[in-house]
Each structure stands twice: as structure tokens, then as C-alpha cells.
Protein backbone atom coordinates (compact mmCIF):
# COMPACT_ATOMS: atom_id res chain seq x y z
CA MET A 1 119.95 -27.64 51.50
CA SER A 2 119.36 -27.10 47.78
CA ILE A 3 119.34 -30.10 45.40
CA ASP A 4 120.61 -29.98 41.83
CA VAL A 5 118.13 -31.23 39.23
CA LYS A 6 120.27 -33.06 36.65
CA ILE A 7 119.63 -34.79 33.35
CA PRO A 8 119.57 -38.50 34.30
CA PRO A 9 121.58 -41.24 32.52
CA MET A 10 119.65 -42.71 29.59
CA GLY A 11 121.96 -45.51 28.45
CA GLU A 12 125.55 -45.81 27.30
CA SER A 13 124.82 -44.64 23.74
CA ILE A 14 122.97 -41.46 24.75
CA THR A 15 125.07 -38.43 25.74
CA SER A 16 122.70 -35.53 25.14
CA GLY A 17 119.13 -34.56 24.30
CA ILE A 18 116.69 -31.69 24.01
CA LEU A 19 114.88 -30.42 27.09
CA ALA A 20 111.62 -30.33 25.16
CA ASN A 21 109.22 -29.03 27.78
CA TRP A 22 109.02 -27.97 31.41
CA ARG A 23 106.06 -29.44 33.29
CA VAL A 24 106.45 -26.80 36.02
CA LYS A 25 107.10 -23.07 36.18
CA ASP A 26 109.93 -21.23 37.86
CA GLY A 27 109.09 -20.80 41.56
CA ASP A 28 106.50 -23.61 41.69
CA THR A 29 106.32 -25.83 44.76
CA VAL A 30 106.78 -29.44 43.69
CA LYS A 31 106.38 -32.82 45.37
CA ARG A 32 108.73 -35.79 45.41
CA ASN A 33 108.48 -37.88 42.18
CA GLN A 34 106.47 -35.14 40.45
CA PRO A 35 107.30 -34.91 36.70
CA LEU A 36 109.44 -31.83 36.05
CA PHE A 37 110.47 -31.95 32.40
CA GLU A 38 110.41 -33.95 29.16
CA LEU A 39 113.70 -34.95 27.57
CA GLU A 40 113.87 -35.94 23.89
CA THR A 41 116.83 -38.02 22.72
CA ASP A 42 117.61 -39.76 19.45
CA LYS A 43 115.92 -42.93 20.71
CA ILE A 44 113.29 -42.19 23.34
CA THR A 45 111.40 -39.42 25.10
CA SER A 46 111.43 -39.61 28.89
CA GLU A 47 110.53 -37.62 31.98
CA GLY A 48 112.64 -36.14 34.76
CA VAL A 49 111.11 -36.21 38.24
CA ALA A 50 111.73 -34.36 41.49
CA GLU A 51 113.96 -36.14 44.02
CA SER A 52 112.25 -34.40 46.94
CA ASP A 53 109.72 -31.73 47.88
CA GLY A 54 110.78 -28.14 47.33
CA VAL A 55 110.54 -24.96 45.29
CA ILE A 56 112.05 -25.22 41.83
CA ARG A 57 114.30 -22.61 40.23
CA LEU A 58 114.76 -23.20 36.52
CA ARG A 59 118.23 -22.76 35.04
CA VAL A 60 117.66 -23.91 31.44
CA GLU A 61 114.93 -22.89 29.02
CA ALA A 62 112.74 -25.36 27.11
CA GLY A 63 114.15 -26.25 23.71
CA THR A 64 117.76 -26.19 24.89
CA GLU A 65 120.17 -29.03 24.07
CA VAL A 66 121.48 -30.48 27.33
CA LYS A 67 124.12 -33.04 28.29
CA ILE A 68 123.65 -36.07 30.50
CA GLY A 69 124.41 -34.98 34.07
CA GLN A 70 123.90 -31.26 33.35
CA VAL A 71 122.17 -29.21 36.06
CA VAL A 72 118.95 -27.76 34.63
CA ALA A 73 117.22 -26.55 37.81
CA ILE A 74 117.63 -26.18 41.57
CA LEU A 75 115.26 -27.54 44.22
CA GLU A 76 115.22 -25.31 47.29
CA PRO A 77 113.71 -26.44 50.60
CA VAL A 78 110.28 -24.95 51.10
CA ALA A 79 111.30 -23.02 54.22
CA ALA A 80 114.35 -21.48 52.54
CA ALA A 81 112.35 -20.64 49.44
CA GLY A 82 109.73 -18.90 51.57
CA SER A 83 112.45 -16.82 53.18
CA ASN A 84 113.80 -15.89 49.75
CA LEU A 85 110.33 -14.95 48.56
CA LYS A 86 109.80 -12.57 51.50
CA SER A 87 113.15 -10.99 50.74
CA GLU A 88 112.20 -10.55 47.09
CA ILE A 89 108.86 -8.93 47.99
CA SER A 90 110.64 -6.57 50.37
CA ASP A 91 113.14 -5.65 47.68
CA LEU A 92 110.36 -5.01 45.17
CA LYS A 93 108.70 -2.58 47.57
CA SER A 94 112.01 -0.84 48.24
CA PRO A 95 112.90 1.97 45.79
CA ALA A 96 116.61 1.16 46.08
CA PRO A 97 117.84 0.15 42.59
CA GLU A 98 120.71 -1.90 43.99
CA ALA A 99 118.45 -4.57 45.54
CA SER A 100 120.60 -7.65 44.94
CA ALA A 101 118.01 -10.27 45.98
CA ALA A 102 115.62 -9.08 43.27
CA SER A 103 118.28 -9.27 40.61
CA GLN A 104 119.24 -12.77 41.74
CA ALA A 105 115.60 -13.84 41.41
CA GLN A 106 115.50 -12.83 37.77
CA SER A 107 115.44 -15.71 35.32
CA PRO A 108 118.33 -16.17 32.84
CA SER A 109 116.08 -15.04 29.96
CA VAL A 110 115.19 -11.79 31.78
CA ARG A 111 118.84 -11.02 32.49
CA ARG A 112 119.79 -11.76 28.89
CA LEU A 113 117.05 -9.48 27.52
CA ALA A 114 118.13 -6.74 29.91
CA ALA A 115 121.65 -6.94 28.51
CA GLU A 116 120.47 -7.02 24.88
CA THR A 117 117.78 -4.33 25.02
CA GLY A 118 119.06 -2.04 27.75
CA VAL A 119 115.68 -2.24 29.56
CA ASN A 120 116.15 -2.22 33.35
CA PRO A 121 113.96 -4.98 34.89
CA ALA A 122 113.56 -2.82 37.99
CA THR A 123 111.51 -0.37 35.89
CA VAL A 124 109.20 -3.10 34.51
CA ALA A 125 105.93 -4.06 36.19
CA GLY A 126 106.11 -7.82 36.70
CA THR A 127 103.11 -10.05 35.97
CA GLY A 128 104.69 -13.26 37.25
CA LYS A 129 104.32 -14.97 40.59
CA ALA A 130 104.88 -12.56 43.50
CA GLY A 131 105.33 -9.74 40.99
CA ARG A 132 108.36 -11.29 39.29
CA VAL A 133 109.37 -9.86 35.93
CA THR A 134 108.88 -12.48 33.20
CA LYS A 135 110.37 -12.86 29.75
CA GLY A 136 107.06 -11.67 28.27
CA ASP A 137 107.16 -8.55 30.45
CA MET A 138 110.62 -7.72 29.14
CA LEU A 139 109.64 -8.27 25.51
CA GLN A 140 106.58 -6.03 25.94
CA ALA A 141 108.66 -3.36 27.65
CA ALA A 142 111.23 -3.49 24.86
CA GLU A 143 108.47 -3.23 22.24
CA ASN A 144 106.96 -0.20 24.04
CA PHE A 145 110.41 1.35 24.15
CA GLN A 146 110.76 0.92 20.38
CA LYS A 147 107.33 2.47 19.75
CA SER A 148 108.05 5.46 21.99
CA ALA A 149 111.52 6.08 20.58
CA PRO A 150 111.78 9.34 18.55
CA SER A 151 111.94 9.12 14.76
CA PRO A 152 114.33 8.53 13.15
CA ALA A 153 115.20 5.66 15.48
CA PRO A 154 118.78 5.50 16.76
CA ALA A 155 120.96 2.84 15.19
CA ALA A 156 121.56 0.85 18.39
CA PRO A 157 117.89 0.00 19.20
CA GLU A 158 117.31 -0.71 15.48
CA SER A 159 120.05 -3.35 15.53
CA GLN A 160 118.45 -5.01 18.53
CA ILE A 161 115.16 -5.78 16.78
CA PRO A 162 116.38 -9.09 15.25
CA ASN A 163 117.52 -10.21 18.71
CA LEU A 164 114.07 -9.54 20.10
CA LYS A 165 112.46 -11.51 17.29
CA ALA A 166 114.79 -14.39 18.02
CA GLN A 167 113.41 -14.52 21.55
CA ILE A 168 109.79 -14.99 20.42
CA PRO A 169 108.72 -18.58 21.26
CA PRO A 170 108.23 -20.92 18.23
CA ALA A 171 104.54 -21.30 19.03
CA ALA A 172 104.01 -17.54 18.83
CA ALA A 173 105.86 -17.34 15.53
CA ALA A 174 103.89 -20.25 14.09
CA THR A 175 100.57 -18.55 14.83
CA ALA A 176 101.54 -15.18 13.35
CA PRO A 177 98.87 -14.48 10.69
CA SER A 178 101.40 -12.93 8.27
CA ALA A 179 103.81 -15.90 8.32
CA ARG A 180 103.54 -18.12 5.23
CA SER A 181 106.06 -20.62 6.56
CA THR A 182 108.06 -21.28 9.69
CA ARG A 183 111.24 -23.18 10.48
CA ARG A 184 111.86 -25.52 13.40
CA ARG A 185 114.69 -27.83 14.27
CA MET A 186 114.19 -31.57 13.83
CA THR A 187 113.91 -33.34 17.19
CA PRO A 188 116.59 -35.93 18.03
CA LEU A 189 113.98 -38.70 17.85
CA ARG A 190 112.78 -37.61 14.40
CA ALA A 191 116.39 -37.24 13.23
CA ARG A 192 117.16 -40.77 14.40
CA ILE A 193 114.07 -42.14 12.64
CA ALA A 194 115.14 -40.42 9.43
CA GLU A 195 118.65 -41.81 9.75
CA ARG A 196 117.44 -45.37 10.23
CA LEU A 197 114.99 -45.17 7.31
CA VAL A 198 117.70 -43.96 4.95
CA GLN A 199 120.02 -46.66 6.31
CA ALA A 200 117.41 -49.33 5.57
CA LYS A 201 116.96 -48.09 2.00
CA ASN A 202 120.68 -47.71 1.26
CA GLN A 203 122.16 -50.71 3.05
CA THR A 204 119.66 -53.50 2.35
CA ALA A 205 118.32 -55.17 -0.78
CA MET A 206 114.73 -54.45 0.20
CA LEU A 207 111.86 -56.03 -1.72
CA THR A 208 108.13 -56.23 -0.95
CA THR A 209 105.64 -58.98 -1.68
CA PHE A 210 101.87 -58.67 -1.26
CA ASN A 211 98.85 -60.81 -0.51
CA GLU A 212 95.34 -60.31 0.80
CA VAL A 213 93.55 -61.96 3.67
CA ASP A 214 89.87 -62.60 4.36
CA MET A 215 89.11 -61.29 7.86
CA THR A 216 85.72 -63.02 8.16
CA ALA A 217 86.83 -65.81 10.53
CA VAL A 218 88.66 -63.48 12.94
CA ARG A 219 85.78 -60.98 12.89
CA GLU A 220 83.25 -63.69 13.73
CA LEU A 221 85.50 -65.11 16.46
CA ARG A 222 85.89 -61.70 18.08
CA ALA A 223 82.15 -60.98 17.89
CA ARG A 224 81.30 -64.36 19.41
CA TYR A 225 83.66 -64.21 22.38
CA GLN A 226 84.33 -60.49 22.90
CA ASP A 227 82.07 -60.09 25.94
CA ASP A 228 83.38 -63.21 27.68
CA PHE A 229 86.97 -62.27 26.86
CA THR A 230 86.55 -58.75 28.24
CA LYS A 231 84.85 -59.96 31.43
CA LYS A 232 87.58 -62.51 32.15
CA HIS A 233 90.67 -60.51 31.20
CA GLY A 234 89.54 -56.90 31.59
CA ILE A 235 90.70 -55.97 28.08
CA LYS A 236 89.20 -56.15 24.60
CA LEU A 237 90.24 -58.69 22.01
CA GLY A 238 91.74 -56.88 19.02
CA PHE A 239 93.10 -57.89 15.63
CA MET A 240 96.77 -57.27 16.44
CA SER A 241 97.10 -60.18 18.86
CA PHE A 242 95.91 -62.56 16.11
CA PHE A 243 98.53 -61.18 13.74
CA VAL A 244 101.26 -61.47 16.37
CA LYS A 245 100.40 -65.16 16.94
CA ALA A 246 100.11 -65.73 13.17
CA THR A 247 103.54 -64.14 12.71
CA VAL A 248 105.10 -66.43 15.33
CA HIS A 249 103.45 -69.40 13.60
CA ALA A 250 104.89 -68.33 10.24
CA LEU A 251 108.37 -67.65 11.70
CA LYS A 252 108.48 -71.21 12.98
CA GLU A 253 107.49 -72.52 9.55
CA VAL A 254 109.97 -70.27 7.69
CA PRO A 255 112.93 -69.72 10.06
CA ALA A 256 114.90 -67.80 7.42
CA ILE A 257 112.68 -64.79 8.15
CA ASN A 258 113.81 -64.97 11.78
CA ALA A 259 117.47 -64.51 10.87
CA MET A 260 119.65 -61.39 10.71
CA LEU A 261 122.71 -60.43 8.71
CA ASP A 262 125.78 -59.17 10.59
CA GLY A 263 128.47 -58.43 8.01
CA ASP A 264 129.12 -61.77 6.32
CA THR A 265 127.61 -63.73 9.23
CA ILE A 266 124.02 -64.96 9.45
CA ILE A 267 122.50 -64.92 12.94
CA ASP A 268 119.65 -67.43 13.37
CA ASN A 269 117.29 -66.38 16.15
CA HIS A 270 115.43 -69.06 18.07
CA TYR A 271 113.13 -66.78 20.04
CA HIS A 272 110.13 -64.68 19.02
CA ASP A 273 110.24 -61.11 20.34
CA ILE A 274 107.94 -59.15 18.05
CA GLY A 275 108.07 -55.36 17.69
CA VAL A 276 104.81 -53.53 17.11
CA ALA A 277 105.05 -50.02 15.66
CA VAL A 278 103.25 -47.39 17.74
CA SER A 279 102.62 -43.88 16.45
CA THR A 280 103.04 -41.08 19.00
CA GLU A 281 103.02 -37.29 18.84
CA ARG A 282 106.82 -37.39 18.94
CA GLY A 283 107.27 -39.97 16.19
CA LEU A 284 107.17 -43.69 15.52
CA MET A 285 108.31 -46.11 18.23
CA VAL A 286 108.58 -49.90 18.11
CA PRO A 287 108.22 -51.47 21.58
CA VAL A 288 108.94 -55.19 21.66
CA LEU A 289 106.57 -57.90 22.90
CA ARG A 290 108.75 -60.56 24.55
CA ASP A 291 108.43 -64.35 24.11
CA CYS A 292 105.25 -64.18 22.05
CA ALA A 293 105.36 -67.92 21.34
CA GLU A 294 104.60 -68.64 24.99
CA LYS A 295 101.96 -65.93 25.47
CA SER A 296 98.21 -66.14 25.07
CA LEU A 297 96.09 -63.69 23.10
CA ALA A 298 95.08 -62.06 26.39
CA GLN A 299 98.69 -61.60 27.51
CA ILE A 300 99.62 -60.07 24.17
CA GLU A 301 96.65 -57.68 24.30
CA ALA A 302 97.63 -56.66 27.83
CA ASP A 303 101.22 -55.98 26.73
CA LEU A 304 100.00 -53.95 23.76
CA GLY A 305 97.79 -51.82 25.99
CA ALA A 306 100.59 -51.22 28.49
CA TYR A 307 103.03 -50.18 25.76
CA ALA A 308 100.48 -47.88 24.14
CA LYS A 309 99.97 -46.08 27.45
CA LYS A 310 103.72 -45.80 28.09
CA ALA A 311 104.23 -44.39 24.60
CA ARG A 312 101.49 -41.77 25.08
CA ASP A 313 102.92 -40.80 28.48
CA GLY A 314 106.48 -40.60 27.15
CA LYS A 315 107.69 -43.37 29.48
CA ILE A 316 109.03 -45.85 26.93
CA THR A 317 112.52 -47.05 27.95
CA LEU A 318 115.45 -48.32 25.89
CA ASP A 319 114.83 -51.85 27.16
CA ASP A 320 111.29 -51.65 25.76
CA LEU A 321 112.66 -50.94 22.26
CA ASN A 322 115.62 -53.31 22.02
CA GLY A 323 115.91 -56.91 20.92
CA GLY A 324 113.06 -57.47 18.45
CA VAL A 325 113.48 -60.04 15.66
CA PHE A 326 110.50 -58.98 13.52
CA THR A 327 108.22 -55.92 13.26
CA ILE A 328 104.51 -55.47 12.54
CA THR A 329 103.13 -52.08 11.50
CA ASN A 330 99.46 -51.27 11.02
CA GLY A 331 98.84 -48.40 8.64
CA GLY A 332 95.21 -49.49 8.41
CA ILE A 333 94.30 -47.61 11.59
CA PHE A 334 94.96 -44.41 9.63
CA GLY A 335 93.08 -45.60 6.55
CA SER A 336 96.00 -46.87 4.47
CA LEU A 337 94.85 -49.38 1.84
CA LEU A 338 98.30 -50.49 0.65
CA SER A 339 101.92 -49.57 1.36
CA THR A 340 105.48 -50.90 1.28
CA PRO A 341 106.81 -50.78 4.86
CA ILE A 342 110.51 -50.05 5.36
CA LEU A 343 112.71 -52.53 7.23
CA ASN A 344 113.65 -51.98 10.85
CA PRO A 345 117.40 -52.84 10.81
CA PRO A 346 118.97 -55.23 11.67
CA GLN A 347 115.76 -57.24 11.23
CA SER A 348 115.27 -59.04 7.92
CA ALA A 349 111.54 -58.45 7.43
CA ILE A 350 108.53 -56.35 8.42
CA LEU A 351 104.82 -57.07 8.01
CA GLY A 352 102.45 -54.28 7.00
CA MET A 353 98.75 -54.49 7.88
CA HIS A 354 96.21 -52.25 6.15
CA ALA A 355 92.59 -51.13 6.27
CA ILE A 356 89.81 -53.72 6.19
CA GLN A 357 87.41 -53.11 3.29
CA ASP A 358 84.37 -55.00 2.10
CA ARG A 359 85.26 -56.14 -1.43
CA PRO A 360 83.82 -58.58 -3.97
CA VAL A 361 85.84 -61.83 -4.13
CA ALA A 362 85.36 -65.15 -5.88
CA LEU A 363 84.49 -67.94 -3.44
CA ASN A 364 83.48 -71.45 -4.56
CA GLY A 365 82.64 -70.16 -8.02
CA GLN A 366 80.50 -67.28 -6.75
CA VAL A 367 81.14 -63.58 -6.19
CA VAL A 368 80.63 -62.66 -2.55
CA ILE A 369 81.35 -59.61 -0.41
CA ARG A 370 84.06 -60.20 2.20
CA PRO A 371 86.04 -58.01 4.65
CA MET A 372 89.45 -58.05 3.00
CA MET A 373 92.85 -56.70 4.09
CA TYR A 374 95.97 -56.30 1.98
CA LEU A 375 99.18 -57.57 3.59
CA ALA A 376 102.69 -56.45 2.63
CA LEU A 377 105.93 -58.15 3.60
CA SER A 378 109.11 -56.17 3.01
CA TYR A 379 112.28 -58.24 3.35
CA ASP A 380 116.03 -58.10 2.85
CA HIS A 381 116.68 -60.07 -0.33
CA ARG A 382 120.34 -60.57 0.67
CA ILE A 383 119.29 -63.10 3.29
CA VAL A 384 115.68 -64.01 2.41
CA ASP A 385 114.74 -65.59 -0.94
CA GLY A 386 111.51 -64.76 -2.72
CA LYS A 387 110.14 -68.28 -2.15
CA GLU A 388 110.65 -67.95 1.60
CA ALA A 389 109.05 -64.51 1.71
CA VAL A 390 105.97 -65.63 -0.25
CA THR A 391 105.65 -68.80 1.84
CA PHE A 392 105.83 -66.77 5.06
CA LEU A 393 103.07 -64.43 3.90
CA VAL A 394 100.90 -67.38 2.86
CA LYS A 395 101.33 -68.94 6.32
CA VAL A 396 100.18 -65.70 7.94
CA LYS A 397 97.19 -65.57 5.60
CA GLN A 398 96.21 -69.17 6.37
CA ALA A 399 96.45 -68.63 10.13
CA ILE A 400 94.23 -65.54 10.01
CA GLU A 401 91.64 -67.08 7.71
CA ASP A 402 91.56 -70.28 9.80
CA PRO A 403 92.54 -69.37 13.41
CA ALA A 404 92.24 -73.03 14.46
CA ARG A 405 95.65 -73.51 12.86
CA LEU A 406 97.15 -71.42 15.67
CA LEU A 407 95.81 -73.91 18.23
CA LEU A 408 96.81 -76.99 16.24
CA GLY A 409 100.16 -75.65 15.01
CA VAL A 410 99.55 -76.62 11.38
């Protein structure tokens, strides 16, 4: 019995998305839980998997907007699919033009091109699996038909040329040597990011304050204990875990930063779930590290590594992104020396880390070279005063320059 492959529920607020990419081809044999497609929504990118073994028949092309619950493919039992394949091969060998099984095996794109161009798929040599006629075969046949048409060309085929061009995949158009520019639709995730950034600029009184931090103490601490840390925990000790713990320390000292504005109501948060911005090929995501006040550096590093892998694999869930009270973003990994990060609503502040550079600084009346990092704190001035923002940033600086404060809580 065939099984419908449907777009799975993604959360109450998500009703549609873009079927960004098929991981399989039409007619492939797939296994249970094998990834089938990637779905991009305005919040996350996720995968759809096979419910059982079978042969897949695609019903929707990549790049199509789909609704939650929509059928995008059919999974046929392997035995039934094998029977269908034998029938298709027999029909291909038969000269009878009315072979219905062959026409049923044609993909939607092949049938559409046949209607638009007038090219009969039965007259096209297929290069697909088991000799199936593919979309590329139809486009090539239509192009050959245009070249062989007598001059002057009839009006009807001439009018079909734009339709053929519209069928060329975006990747092919982008690589055309004569194209000086191309157009592509914004993905739902990128559109959502743009919407939230504009919202943060237009609906908050955002201000940024800066400071710089000497990374010498943290660098020396990492160098001294890196091998032992890695052997015991199986992960490397990075800089981000220190900044997460320093942020929690500063939030406890300046609780106004850990508050949010909801209309004319101030919400004071008494927990410390910290979002860490992660850059992916599909856009920026901010998974949330839960209960950071109770976690060790090793636990935070493990969570960071797990989230980074989920983001790369497109397996971040809505629960991973919701509920943060504060965000940290590190532009330094891309070489940024200084920036003004934009708030992540409804949070009241965001900390920006930047590149570490050896710079001359005055220390005890002498000029010395130190590994320095600029820090930027953007905050909503409607709820956070300048004194509180500056004090918060100073507390972060002190904790990084003297990590013992994190152990002593001072």
C-alpha cells in the first residue's frame, strides 16, 4: 500500500514553507528514517524523513511553496514499484503511442513541458533511470526543435521561448556567462530575519556602549589546562564558555539587563538562558543554552558543540530557539574588529564579541603588548539606563580579565 509523504507540523505559528531541496531523486529506493527533503520556514530549516522503506515518486518540485500537511511525494512498496517498473520498460519497448503506464510515469515537469512546447515525450530518448524522460531531456528536445524549425519561425513556438527559459533551474541561470545579474526569491528564514532586524531598529530605543577586554588571563588559563580538559571531557575549551559564564555573572549583578518590556509592563527574569548566535548557510540562528548559571564550562562547551552540529545539519527545532533572555554574538570569528549588534526582541540587550588583536596598552605606567578584544553592548534604552549598561559591561570585562571572580562570585 502506498504511503503519502506529507509536510510535517512545525509548530502552531508555522503554516507553510519552501521545499528547498530534495535529498532523493524520483524513483529512488529509500529506507525508513532516511532524509527525503529540506523544508525552509520563516523560523527554522528542517528535514522530512521516510516513514518506511519503499520507492519514492516525487509530486512537488524543489523550490515550491508548500503547506503543512500537503502531500509532496508517494512511497510505493518495493514489490509494487518493481512491478510498475517492468510495466514501464515494456511500454517503452512497445511502439504503441497510447501506452498509459509510460505517461503515468512521467514527472509533473515533463507533462507540463509537453503541454507548453508540444513535444511528445514518447518521441524523446530518455536519459533518466530505466530510460525515463527527464525535464532536461524535454528542454533539450524543445531547444533542438527550435533550432530545426524553418526560418522565419512560426509565431507559436516563438511565444513559447520565455516559458522554456522560465523552466531553467536557478543554478543554471546563475552560471550563465552572459548574465550580469540574477534574481532569486528571499527564503522564508531570511525574510523573517530581515523582519525582526527592522522591528528591533524601529520599535526599540537601541543604544550601544563599548569597552575592551584583555584576554591574557583566559588565554593563559586555556593553554595551561587545555590538554587535561580535553582528555577529561572530550571537547576543547573555547572562549565562548567563559563569556557565557561572565554574562551570567554580570546579569546577577545588574538584573535590569535580564528584564524585558511587554507593552507597559516590565518582566523581570530570574533564570539565565543565554542565546548564542550561530551562522549557517541558510542564515543566522540563535539556539539557547538553558540554565547557564548551574552549568560548568564543560557542559556549556558540550551544548555549544551540539547546537553547532544541529545548525549545520539543519536539525535545529523551535524549542532550541525559544526562551532566551540575553544573546551573545561573535563577529570576531569572521575578523570583525568592532560592530554594533542589533537587539534580538523581546530581549533588552545583546553582547557583541570581536576579533582578538595584539595591541599596545598602558599597564602599570608602561606600554605593553596585550591580546585585546573590543566588546559592544547594545541595549534598549527604554528599560535599561546608561549606568546599568556600562556597569554590566564592566562586570563582564572584570570576569574575563580575572576568571577567579567567576569561582568566587565577586
